[in-house]
Amino acid sequence: MNLKSRDARPDDREQVLRVVEDAFGPEEGPTVARLVTALDDAGSTRASLVAEVDGHVVGHVQLSRSWVDAREALVDVHVLSPLSVAPAHQGTGIGAALLEAAREAAERLGAPAVFLEGDPGYYSGRGWSPAGPLGFTAPSARIPAPAFQVVLLSAYEPWMTGALVYCEPFWALDCVGLRDPLLAQLGG
């Protein structure tokens, strides 16, 4: 497998949206694909990266602008969502490669932290930690505590804690909080 990750280009759009829809399935895929577009249209996207195998887009990850409502000031942070890998390529390391590329992009962009909602069994082995014990509050009660995760970057300072505030497209499309039945069990 000849895997290459790179910044997404405008001519990747159709392939990216197809990968997102396929990765999230027929029920959630169309909504998550609309989220990708809405984040772009709102000017909230900070990085959009693709994984390519033999010239075909088989994975995508997006970083968008959000904030931590810290006592001292609002802090610009990134939210990693969505992370998508075409079903035929899942389990091959593409997701992990995209996570690392996204972390590197966020570091280059000067973000102090990157947040996500996801399976702690997958993300914790890839450098992510539960955000709550580090002083962060999830933006919604629908996010199970173990699934609310963060990676702190070199621009992070200890005062940068508080509530995560998602940018508007997450709310407009009701893409806040985990709906996956397995992850819902994490909430209790």
N, C-alpha and C. Protein backbone atom coordinates (compact mmCIF):
# COMPACT_ATOMS: atom_id res chain seq x y z
N MET A 1 0.85 -1.18 0.00
CA MET A 1 0.00 0.00 0.00
C MET A 1 0.89 1.23 0.00
N ASN A 2 0.66 2.12 -0.95
CA ASN A 2 1.42 3.36 -1.08
C ASN A 2 0.59 4.50 -0.50
N LEU A 3 0.71 4.72 0.84
CA LEU A 3 -0.09 5.71 1.56
C LEU A 3 0.62 7.05 1.59
N LYS A 4 -0.15 8.09 1.29
CA LYS A 4 0.37 9.46 1.33
C LYS A 4 -0.71 10.33 1.97
N SER A 5 -0.34 11.14 2.97
CA SER A 5 -1.29 12.11 3.51
C SER A 5 -0.85 13.50 3.08
N ARG A 6 -1.84 14.35 2.81
CA ARG A 6 -1.57 15.70 2.31
C ARG A 6 -2.76 16.60 2.58
N ASP A 7 -2.57 17.91 2.37
CA ASP A 7 -3.68 18.84 2.47
C ASP A 7 -4.69 18.52 1.37
N ALA A 8 -5.96 18.62 1.71
CA ALA A 8 -7.01 18.42 0.72
C ALA A 8 -6.99 19.59 -0.27
N ARG A 9 -7.31 19.28 -1.50
CA ARG A 9 -7.41 20.30 -2.55
C ARG A 9 -8.87 20.42 -2.98
N PRO A 10 -9.25 21.53 -3.59
CA PRO A 10 -10.64 21.69 -4.04
C PRO A 10 -11.12 20.54 -4.94
N ASP A 11 -10.22 20.01 -5.77
CA ASP A 11 -10.64 18.94 -6.67
C ASP A 11 -10.81 17.59 -5.95
N ASP A 12 -10.51 17.53 -4.65
CA ASP A 12 -10.74 16.32 -3.85
C ASP A 12 -12.17 16.27 -3.30
N ARG A 13 -12.91 17.35 -3.37
CA ARG A 13 -14.18 17.50 -2.66
C ARG A 13 -15.12 16.31 -2.87
N GLU A 14 -15.34 15.90 -4.10
CA GLU A 14 -16.28 14.80 -4.37
C GLU A 14 -15.81 13.50 -3.70
N GLN A 15 -14.52 13.20 -3.82
CA GLN A 15 -13.99 11.98 -3.20
C GLN A 15 -14.06 12.05 -1.68
N VAL A 16 -13.77 13.23 -1.10
CA VAL A 16 -13.82 13.40 0.35
C VAL A 16 -15.23 13.14 0.86
N LEU A 17 -16.22 13.76 0.22
CA LEU A 17 -17.60 13.59 0.68
C LEU A 17 -18.07 12.14 0.54
N ARG A 18 -17.61 11.46 -0.49
CA ARG A 18 -17.96 10.04 -0.66
C ARG A 18 -17.34 9.20 0.45
N VAL A 19 -16.07 9.45 0.77
CA VAL A 19 -15.40 8.71 1.85
C VAL A 19 -16.12 8.95 3.18
N VAL A 20 -16.47 10.20 3.46
CA VAL A 20 -17.16 10.53 4.71
C VAL A 20 -18.50 9.80 4.78
N GLU A 21 -19.27 9.88 3.72
CA GLU A 21 -20.58 9.20 3.72
C GLU A 21 -20.43 7.70 3.89
N ASP A 22 -19.50 7.10 3.17
CA ASP A 22 -19.30 5.65 3.27
C ASP A 22 -18.82 5.26 4.67
N ALA A 23 -17.91 6.04 5.24
CA ALA A 23 -17.35 5.71 6.55
C ALA A 23 -18.42 5.78 7.65
N PHE A 24 -19.33 6.75 7.56
CA PHE A 24 -20.33 6.92 8.61
C PHE A 24 -21.63 6.19 8.32
N GLY A 25 -21.75 5.61 7.13
CA GLY A 25 -22.91 4.79 6.82
C GLY A 25 -24.13 5.58 6.38
N PRO A 26 -25.16 4.86 5.95
CA PRO A 26 -26.32 5.51 5.34
C PRO A 26 -27.13 6.39 6.29
N GLU A 27 -27.11 6.10 7.59
CA GLU A 27 -27.90 6.91 8.51
C GLU A 27 -27.21 8.23 8.86
N GLU A 28 -25.94 8.18 9.23
CA GLU A 28 -25.23 9.39 9.67
C GLU A 28 -24.36 10.00 8.59
N GLY A 29 -23.97 9.23 7.59
CA GLY A 29 -23.05 9.71 6.56
C GLY A 29 -23.46 11.00 5.88
N PRO A 30 -24.71 11.11 5.41
CA PRO A 30 -25.10 12.36 4.74
C PRO A 30 -24.99 13.59 5.65
N THR A 31 -25.36 13.44 6.92
CA THR A 31 -25.27 14.57 7.85
C THR A 31 -23.82 14.95 8.12
N VAL A 32 -22.97 13.96 8.31
CA VAL A 32 -21.56 14.25 8.57
C VAL A 32 -20.91 14.88 7.33
N ALA A 33 -21.30 14.43 6.15
CA ALA A 33 -20.78 15.06 4.92
C ALA A 33 -21.24 16.52 4.84
N ARG A 34 -22.48 16.79 5.24
CA ARG A 34 -22.96 18.18 5.27
C ARG A 34 -22.15 19.00 6.28
N LEU A 35 -21.75 18.37 7.40
CA LEU A 35 -20.92 19.07 8.38
C LEU A 35 -19.60 19.51 7.76
N VAL A 36 -18.96 18.64 7.00
CA VAL A 36 -17.70 18.98 6.33
C VAL A 36 -17.89 20.25 5.49
N THR A 37 -18.94 20.26 4.70
CA THR A 37 -19.22 21.41 3.83
C THR A 37 -19.59 22.65 4.64
N ALA A 38 -20.40 22.48 5.68
CA ALA A 38 -20.83 23.62 6.50
C ALA A 38 -19.65 24.26 7.22
N LEU A 39 -18.72 23.45 7.72
CA LEU A 39 -17.53 23.99 8.38
C LEU A 39 -16.70 24.82 7.40
N ASP A 40 -16.57 24.30 6.17
CA ASP A 40 -15.85 25.05 5.13
C ASP A 40 -16.57 26.36 4.82
N ASP A 41 -17.88 26.27 4.57
CA ASP A 41 -18.66 27.45 4.18
C ASP A 41 -18.67 28.52 5.27
N ALA A 42 -18.61 28.11 6.54
CA ALA A 42 -18.63 29.06 7.66
C ALA A 42 -17.24 29.66 7.92
N GLY A 43 -16.22 29.18 7.21
CA GLY A 43 -14.86 29.66 7.45
C GLY A 43 -14.25 29.09 8.72
N SER A 44 -14.82 28.00 9.22
CA SER A 44 -14.35 27.39 10.47
C SER A 44 -13.25 26.36 10.28
N THR A 45 -13.06 25.87 9.07
CA THR A 45 -12.05 24.84 8.82
C THR A 45 -10.65 25.44 8.96
N ARG A 46 -9.83 24.77 9.75
CA ARG A 46 -8.44 25.19 9.92
C ARG A 46 -7.49 24.28 9.15
N ALA A 47 -7.88 23.02 8.98
CA ALA A 47 -7.08 22.08 8.18
C ALA A 47 -8.01 20.98 7.71
N SER A 48 -7.79 20.57 6.49
CA SER A 48 -8.52 19.46 5.89
C SER A 48 -7.47 18.60 5.20
N LEU A 49 -7.32 17.37 5.67
CA LEU A 49 -6.26 16.49 5.19
C LEU A 49 -6.85 15.22 4.61
N VAL A 50 -6.20 14.69 3.59
CA VAL A 50 -6.65 13.44 3.01
C VAL A 50 -5.54 12.41 3.05
N ALA A 51 -5.95 11.15 3.03
CA ALA A 51 -5.03 10.03 2.84
C ALA A 51 -5.30 9.49 1.46
N GLU A 52 -4.24 9.28 0.73
CA GLU A 52 -4.33 8.82 -0.64
C GLU A 52 -3.62 7.48 -0.76
N VAL A 53 -4.24 6.55 -1.46
CA VAL A 53 -3.60 5.29 -1.80
C VAL A 53 -3.69 5.16 -3.31
N ASP A 54 -2.54 5.06 -3.94
CA ASP A 54 -2.48 4.92 -5.40
C ASP A 54 -3.31 5.99 -6.11
N GLY A 55 -3.22 7.23 -5.61
CA GLY A 55 -3.89 8.35 -6.25
C GLY A 55 -5.36 8.52 -5.94
N HIS A 56 -5.92 7.67 -5.06
CA HIS A 56 -7.33 7.76 -4.70
C HIS A 56 -7.46 8.16 -3.23
N VAL A 57 -8.38 9.09 -2.95
CA VAL A 57 -8.64 9.51 -1.58
C VAL A 57 -9.37 8.38 -0.87
N VAL A 58 -8.78 7.90 0.23
CA VAL A 58 -9.38 6.81 1.00
C VAL A 58 -9.60 7.19 2.46
N GLY A 59 -9.20 8.41 2.83
CA GLY A 59 -9.40 8.88 4.18
C GLY A 59 -9.40 10.39 4.23
N HIS A 60 -10.01 10.93 5.28
CA HIS A 60 -10.10 12.38 5.45
C HIS A 60 -10.20 12.72 6.93
N VAL A 61 -9.60 13.84 7.31
CA VAL A 61 -9.75 14.37 8.66
C VAL A 61 -9.84 15.89 8.56
N GLN A 62 -10.66 16.47 9.43
CA GLN A 62 -10.87 17.91 9.40
C GLN A 62 -10.66 18.50 10.79
N LEU A 63 -9.98 19.62 10.84
CA LEU A 63 -9.81 20.39 12.06
C LEU A 63 -10.58 21.70 11.89
N SER A 64 -11.39 22.03 12.88
CA SER A 64 -12.15 23.27 12.81
C SER A 64 -11.91 24.10 14.06
N ARG A 65 -12.20 25.38 13.92
CA ARG A 65 -12.00 26.33 15.00
C ARG A 65 -13.13 26.21 16.01
N SER A 66 -12.76 26.17 17.26
CA SER A 66 -13.69 26.27 18.38
C SER A 66 -12.95 27.01 19.48
N TRP A 67 -13.53 27.06 20.68
CA TRP A 67 -12.93 27.84 21.74
C TRP A 67 -13.02 27.10 23.07
N VAL A 68 -12.08 27.41 23.96
CA VAL A 68 -12.21 27.06 25.36
C VAL A 68 -12.52 28.36 26.08
N ASP A 69 -13.60 28.33 26.86
CA ASP A 69 -14.03 29.49 27.62
C ASP A 69 -13.29 29.48 28.96
N ALA A 70 -12.03 29.90 28.91
CA ALA A 70 -11.18 29.94 30.10
C ALA A 70 -11.48 31.21 30.90
N ARG A 71 -11.22 31.16 32.18
CA ARG A 71 -11.49 32.32 33.04
C ARG A 71 -10.77 33.57 32.53
N GLU A 72 -9.53 33.42 32.09
CA GLU A 72 -8.72 34.56 31.67
C GLU A 72 -9.14 35.12 30.31
N ALA A 73 -9.52 34.25 29.37
CA ALA A 73 -9.86 34.69 28.01
C ALA A 73 -10.39 33.50 27.21
N LEU A 74 -11.08 33.80 26.11
CA LEU A 74 -11.43 32.75 25.16
C LEU A 74 -10.15 32.29 24.48
N VAL A 75 -10.00 30.99 24.33
CA VAL A 75 -8.80 30.41 23.73
C VAL A 75 -9.20 29.69 22.45
N ASP A 76 -8.61 30.08 21.32
CA ASP A 76 -8.85 29.37 20.07
C ASP A 76 -8.23 27.98 20.16
N VAL A 77 -9.03 26.97 19.90
CA VAL A 77 -8.58 25.58 19.88
C VAL A 77 -9.13 24.93 18.62
N HIS A 78 -8.77 23.70 18.39
CA HIS A 78 -9.28 22.95 17.25
C HIS A 78 -10.12 21.77 17.72
N VAL A 79 -11.10 21.43 16.91
CA VAL A 79 -11.89 20.22 17.10
C VAL A 79 -11.61 19.32 15.90
N LEU A 80 -11.28 18.08 16.18
CA LEU A 80 -11.02 17.10 15.12
C LEU A 80 -12.34 16.37 14.86
N SER A 81 -12.94 16.68 13.73
CA SER A 81 -14.18 16.02 13.33
C SER A 81 -14.54 16.47 11.93
N PRO A 82 -14.84 15.53 11.07
CA PRO A 82 -14.81 14.10 11.28
C PRO A 82 -13.46 13.49 10.90
N LEU A 83 -13.26 12.27 11.36
CA LEU A 83 -12.17 11.40 10.90
C LEU A 83 -12.87 10.27 10.15
N SER A 84 -12.52 10.12 8.89
CA SER A 84 -13.22 9.14 8.03
C SER A 84 -12.21 8.32 7.24
N VAL A 85 -12.44 7.02 7.21
CA VAL A 85 -11.64 6.12 6.37
C VAL A 85 -12.62 5.24 5.61
N ALA A 86 -12.40 5.12 4.31
CA ALA A 86 -13.26 4.28 3.47
C ALA A 86 -13.31 2.88 4.07
N PRO A 87 -14.50 2.27 4.14
CA PRO A 87 -14.64 0.96 4.78
C PRO A 87 -13.63 -0.09 4.31
N ALA A 88 -13.33 -0.12 3.03
CA ALA A 88 -12.39 -1.13 2.51
C ALA A 88 -10.97 -0.92 3.02
N HIS A 89 -10.68 0.25 3.58
CA HIS A 89 -9.33 0.57 4.05
C HIS A 89 -9.25 0.70 5.57
N GLN A 90 -10.34 0.47 6.26
CA GLN A 90 -10.32 0.56 7.72
C GLN A 90 -9.49 -0.58 8.29
N GLY A 91 -8.81 -0.30 9.40
CA GLY A 91 -7.97 -1.30 10.05
C GLY A 91 -6.59 -1.45 9.43
N THR A 92 -6.22 -0.51 8.54
CA THR A 92 -4.92 -0.61 7.86
C THR A 92 -3.93 0.46 8.33
N GLY A 93 -4.32 1.25 9.32
CA GLY A 93 -3.43 2.29 9.83
C GLY A 93 -3.67 3.66 9.24
N ILE A 94 -4.62 3.78 8.34
CA ILE A 94 -4.88 5.08 7.71
C ILE A 94 -5.45 6.07 8.73
N GLY A 95 -6.35 5.63 9.58
CA GLY A 95 -6.90 6.52 10.60
C GLY A 95 -5.82 7.05 11.52
N ALA A 96 -4.93 6.17 11.96
CA ALA A 96 -3.83 6.58 12.84
C ALA A 96 -2.91 7.57 12.13
N ALA A 97 -2.64 7.33 10.85
CA ALA A 97 -1.79 8.25 10.09
C ALA A 97 -2.45 9.62 9.96
N LEU A 98 -3.76 9.64 9.75
CA LEU A 98 -4.47 10.91 9.65
C LEU A 98 -4.51 11.64 10.99
N LEU A 99 -4.67 10.89 12.08
CA LEU A 99 -4.63 11.52 13.41
C LEU A 99 -3.29 12.21 13.65
N GLU A 100 -2.22 11.54 13.30
CA GLU A 100 -0.89 12.12 13.49
C GLU A 100 -0.70 13.33 12.57
N ALA A 101 -1.15 13.24 11.33
CA ALA A 101 -1.04 14.38 10.41
C ALA A 101 -1.86 15.57 10.93
N ALA A 102 -3.03 15.30 11.51
CA ALA A 102 -3.87 16.37 12.06
C ALA A 102 -3.20 17.01 13.27
N ARG A 103 -2.62 16.19 14.13
CA ARG A 103 -1.91 16.72 15.29
C ARG A 103 -0.75 17.61 14.86
N GLU A 104 0.01 17.17 13.87
CA GLU A 104 1.12 17.96 13.35
C GLU A 104 0.63 19.27 12.73
N ALA A 105 -0.49 19.21 12.00
CA ALA A 105 -1.05 20.43 11.39
C ALA A 105 -1.49 21.41 12.47
N ALA A 106 -2.15 20.92 13.52
CA ALA A 106 -2.60 21.78 14.61
C ALA A 106 -1.40 22.42 15.31
N GLU A 107 -0.35 21.66 15.49
CA GLU A 107 0.87 22.19 16.11
C GLU A 107 1.44 23.32 15.24
N ARG A 108 1.53 23.10 13.94
CA ARG A 108 2.04 24.13 13.02
C ARG A 108 1.17 25.38 13.05
N LEU A 109 -0.13 25.19 13.22
CA LEU A 109 -1.07 26.31 13.23
C LEU A 109 -1.10 27.03 14.58
N GLY A 110 -0.39 26.52 15.55
CA GLY A 110 -0.29 27.18 16.85
C GLY A 110 -1.44 26.90 17.80
N ALA A 111 -2.24 25.88 17.53
CA ALA A 111 -3.33 25.54 18.45
C ALA A 111 -2.75 24.98 19.74
N PRO A 112 -3.33 25.36 20.88
CA PRO A 112 -2.84 24.80 22.13
C PRO A 112 -3.41 23.42 22.45
N ALA A 113 -4.55 23.09 21.81
CA ALA A 113 -5.20 21.80 22.10
C ALA A 113 -6.11 21.42 20.93
N VAL A 114 -6.33 20.11 20.82
CA VAL A 114 -7.28 19.58 19.84
C VAL A 114 -8.20 18.63 20.60
N PHE A 115 -9.50 18.82 20.41
CA PHE A 115 -10.52 18.02 21.09
C PHE A 115 -11.23 17.13 20.08
N LEU A 116 -11.82 16.05 20.59
CA LEU A 116 -12.67 15.19 19.76
C LEU A 116 -13.64 14.44 20.65
N GLU A 117 -14.67 13.90 19.99
CA GLU A 117 -15.59 12.95 20.61
C GLU A 117 -15.31 11.62 19.95
N GLY A 118 -14.98 10.60 20.73
CA GLY A 118 -14.69 9.33 20.10
C GLY A 118 -14.43 8.22 21.09
N ASP A 119 -14.28 7.05 20.56
CA ASP A 119 -14.06 5.83 21.33
C ASP A 119 -12.71 5.90 22.04
N PRO A 120 -12.70 5.94 23.38
CA PRO A 120 -11.42 6.03 24.09
C PRO A 120 -10.54 4.81 23.84
N GLY A 121 -11.14 3.67 23.52
CA GLY A 121 -10.34 2.49 23.22
C GLY A 121 -9.47 2.69 21.99
N TYR A 122 -9.95 3.47 21.05
CA TYR A 122 -9.19 3.75 19.83
C TYR A 122 -8.22 4.92 20.04
N TYR A 123 -8.73 6.03 20.55
CA TYR A 123 -7.94 7.26 20.61
C TYR A 123 -6.91 7.28 21.73
N SER A 124 -7.17 6.64 22.85
CA SER A 124 -6.21 6.70 23.97
C SER A 124 -4.88 6.07 23.60
N GLY A 125 -4.89 5.08 22.77
CA GLY A 125 -3.65 4.45 22.33
C GLY A 125 -2.90 5.27 21.30
N ARG A 126 -3.48 6.39 20.91
CA ARG A 126 -2.88 7.24 19.89
C ARG A 126 -2.59 8.65 20.43
N GLY A 127 -2.45 8.75 21.76
CA GLY A 127 -2.01 9.99 22.37
C GLY A 127 -3.09 10.90 22.92
N TRP A 128 -4.35 10.50 22.85
CA TRP A 128 -5.45 11.33 23.35
C TRP A 128 -5.76 10.95 24.79
N SER A 129 -6.22 11.93 25.56
CA SER A 129 -6.53 11.73 26.98
C SER A 129 -7.93 12.23 27.27
N PRO A 130 -8.58 11.67 28.31
CA PRO A 130 -9.87 12.22 28.73
C PRO A 130 -9.69 13.69 29.10
N ALA A 131 -10.58 14.54 28.58
CA ALA A 131 -10.43 15.99 28.76
C ALA A 131 -10.90 16.46 30.14
N GLY A 132 -11.90 15.81 30.69
CA GLY A 132 -12.46 16.24 31.98
C GLY A 132 -11.43 16.34 33.09
N PRO A 133 -10.63 15.29 33.33
CA PRO A 133 -9.65 15.36 34.41
C PRO A 133 -8.57 16.43 34.20
N LEU A 134 -8.46 16.95 32.98
CA LEU A 134 -7.48 18.00 32.70
C LEU A 134 -8.08 19.40 32.86
N GLY A 135 -9.35 19.47 33.30
CA GLY A 135 -9.97 20.76 33.57
C GLY A 135 -10.88 21.29 32.49
N PHE A 136 -11.24 20.44 31.54
CA PHE A 136 -12.11 20.87 30.45
C PHE A 136 -13.52 20.32 30.67
N THR A 137 -14.50 21.08 30.22
CA THR A 137 -15.90 20.68 30.30
C THR A 137 -16.43 20.48 28.88
N ALA A 138 -17.12 19.38 28.67
CA ALA A 138 -17.69 19.08 27.35
C ALA A 138 -18.74 20.12 26.99
N PRO A 139 -18.92 20.38 25.70
CA PRO A 139 -19.90 21.37 25.26
C PRO A 139 -21.35 20.89 25.36
N SER A 140 -21.55 19.62 25.65
CA SER A 140 -22.89 19.07 25.72
C SER A 140 -22.92 17.92 26.71
N ALA A 141 -24.04 17.80 27.42
CA ALA A 141 -24.24 16.67 28.34
C ALA A 141 -24.41 15.36 27.57
N ARG A 142 -24.64 15.44 26.26
CA ARG A 142 -24.79 14.23 25.44
C ARG A 142 -23.46 13.56 25.12
N ILE A 143 -22.35 14.15 25.53
CA ILE A 143 -21.04 13.57 25.26
C ILE A 143 -20.60 12.80 26.50
N PRO A 144 -20.52 11.46 26.41
CA PRO A 144 -20.06 10.68 27.56
C PRO A 144 -18.65 11.11 27.97
N ALA A 145 -18.41 11.25 29.26
CA ALA A 145 -17.12 11.74 29.76
C ALA A 145 -15.92 11.00 29.16
N PRO A 146 -15.93 9.65 29.07
CA PRO A 146 -14.75 8.99 28.51
C PRO A 146 -14.51 9.31 27.03
N ALA A 147 -15.56 9.72 26.32
CA ALA A 147 -15.44 9.99 24.90
C ALA A 147 -14.97 11.42 24.60
N PHE A 148 -15.03 12.31 25.59
CA PHE A 148 -14.59 13.69 25.45
C PHE A 148 -13.09 13.71 25.69
N GLN A 149 -12.32 13.87 24.59
CA GLN A 149 -10.87 13.68 24.65
C GLN A 149 -10.12 14.86 24.08
N VAL A 150 -8.86 14.97 24.48
CA VAL A 150 -8.02 16.09 24.06
C VAL A 150 -6.58 15.63 23.90
N VAL A 151 -5.86 16.33 23.06
CA VAL A 151 -4.41 16.23 23.00
C VAL A 151 -3.91 17.66 23.19
N LEU A 152 -3.01 17.84 24.16
CA LEU A 152 -2.43 19.15 24.44
C LEU A 152 -1.16 19.33 23.61
N LEU A 153 -1.00 20.52 23.06
CA LEU A 153 0.13 20.81 22.18
C LEU A 153 1.07 21.82 22.84
N SER A 154 2.15 22.15 22.19
CA SER A 154 3.19 22.97 22.81
C SER A 154 2.72 24.39 23.16
N ALA A 155 1.70 24.93 22.51
CA ALA A 155 1.20 26.28 22.82
C ALA A 155 0.28 26.29 24.06
N TYR A 156 -0.05 25.11 24.59
CA TYR A 156 -0.93 25.03 25.76
C TYR A 156 -0.25 25.61 27.00
N GLU A 157 -1.06 26.34 27.78
CA GLU A 157 -0.61 26.86 29.07
C GLU A 157 -1.64 26.41 30.12
N PRO A 158 -1.22 26.19 31.36
CA PRO A 158 -2.11 25.64 32.38
C PRO A 158 -3.40 26.43 32.63
N TRP A 159 -3.42 27.72 32.38
CA TRP A 159 -4.63 28.51 32.59
C TRP A 159 -5.69 28.27 31.52
N MET A 160 -5.35 27.60 30.44
CA MET A 160 -6.25 27.40 29.30
C MET A 160 -7.21 26.25 29.52
N THR A 161 -7.99 26.31 30.60
CA THR A 161 -8.99 25.28 30.88
C THR A 161 -10.35 25.93 31.00
N GLY A 162 -11.38 25.12 30.84
CA GLY A 162 -12.75 25.61 30.92
C GLY A 162 -13.63 24.82 29.98
N ALA A 163 -14.76 25.40 29.64
CA ALA A 163 -15.73 24.73 28.77
C ALA A 163 -15.34 24.85 27.31
N LEU A 164 -15.42 23.74 26.60
CA LEU A 164 -15.24 23.76 25.15
C LEU A 164 -16.52 24.30 24.53
N VAL A 165 -16.37 25.23 23.58
CA VAL A 165 -17.49 25.83 22.88
C VAL A 165 -17.31 25.51 21.39
N TYR A 166 -18.20 24.67 20.86
CA TYR A 166 -18.14 24.33 19.44
C TYR A 166 -18.57 25.50 18.57
N CYS A 167 -18.03 25.57 17.37
CA CYS A 167 -18.48 26.57 16.40
C CYS A 167 -19.89 26.18 15.91
N GLU A 168 -20.57 27.12 15.33
CA GLU A 168 -21.99 27.02 15.00
C GLU A 168 -22.40 25.82 14.12
N PRO A 169 -21.64 25.43 13.09
CA PRO A 169 -22.11 24.32 12.26
C PRO A 169 -22.38 23.01 13.01
N PHE A 170 -21.63 22.74 14.08
CA PHE A 170 -21.89 21.52 14.87
C PHE A 170 -23.30 21.55 15.45
N TRP A 171 -23.72 22.73 15.93
CA TRP A 171 -25.05 22.87 16.53
C TRP A 171 -26.13 22.89 15.46
N ALA A 172 -25.90 23.61 14.38
CA ALA A 172 -26.91 23.74 13.32
C ALA A 172 -27.29 22.39 12.72
N LEU A 173 -26.31 21.49 12.64
CA LEU A 173 -26.57 20.16 12.06
C LEU A 173 -26.79 19.09 13.11
N ASP A 174 -26.86 19.49 14.38
CA ASP A 174 -27.05 18.55 15.49
C ASP A 174 -25.98 17.45 15.46
N CYS A 175 -24.74 17.88 15.30
CA CYS A 175 -23.60 16.95 15.29
C CYS A 175 -22.82 17.03 16.60
N VAL A 176 -23.52 17.33 17.67
CA VAL A 176 -22.90 17.40 18.99
C VAL A 176 -23.40 16.22 19.80
N GLY A 177 -22.48 15.48 20.41
CA GLY A 177 -22.88 14.33 21.21
C GLY A 177 -22.87 13.07 20.38
N LEU A 178 -22.46 12.01 21.01
CA LEU A 178 -22.31 10.74 20.31
C LEU A 178 -23.62 9.99 20.22
N ARG A 179 -23.92 9.50 19.04
CA ARG A 179 -25.15 8.73 18.83
C ARG A 179 -24.87 7.23 18.71
N ASP A 180 -23.60 6.87 18.49
CA ASP A 180 -23.23 5.46 18.32
C ASP A 180 -23.67 4.67 19.55
N PRO A 181 -24.40 3.58 19.38
CA PRO A 181 -24.90 2.83 20.55
C PRO A 181 -23.80 2.36 21.50
N LEU A 182 -22.66 1.92 20.96
CA LEU A 182 -21.55 1.47 21.80
C LEU A 182 -21.03 2.63 22.65
N LEU A 183 -20.84 3.77 22.02
CA LEU A 183 -20.32 4.92 22.75
C LEU A 183 -21.35 5.48 23.72
N ALA A 184 -22.62 5.36 23.41
CA ALA A 184 -23.66 5.82 24.33
C ALA A 184 -23.58 5.03 25.64
N GLN A 185 -23.13 3.79 25.58
CA GLN A 185 -22.98 2.98 26.80
C GLN A 185 -21.93 3.55 27.74
N LEU A 186 -21.00 4.32 27.19
CA LEU A 186 -19.97 4.92 28.02
C LEU A 186 -20.57 5.93 28.99
N GLY A 187 -21.71 6.49 28.61
CA GLY A 187 -22.34 7.51 29.43
C GLY A 187 -23.12 6.95 30.60
N GLY A 188 -23.32 5.66 30.61
CA GLY A 188 -23.88 5.12 31.79
C GLY A 188 -25.16 4.41 31.74
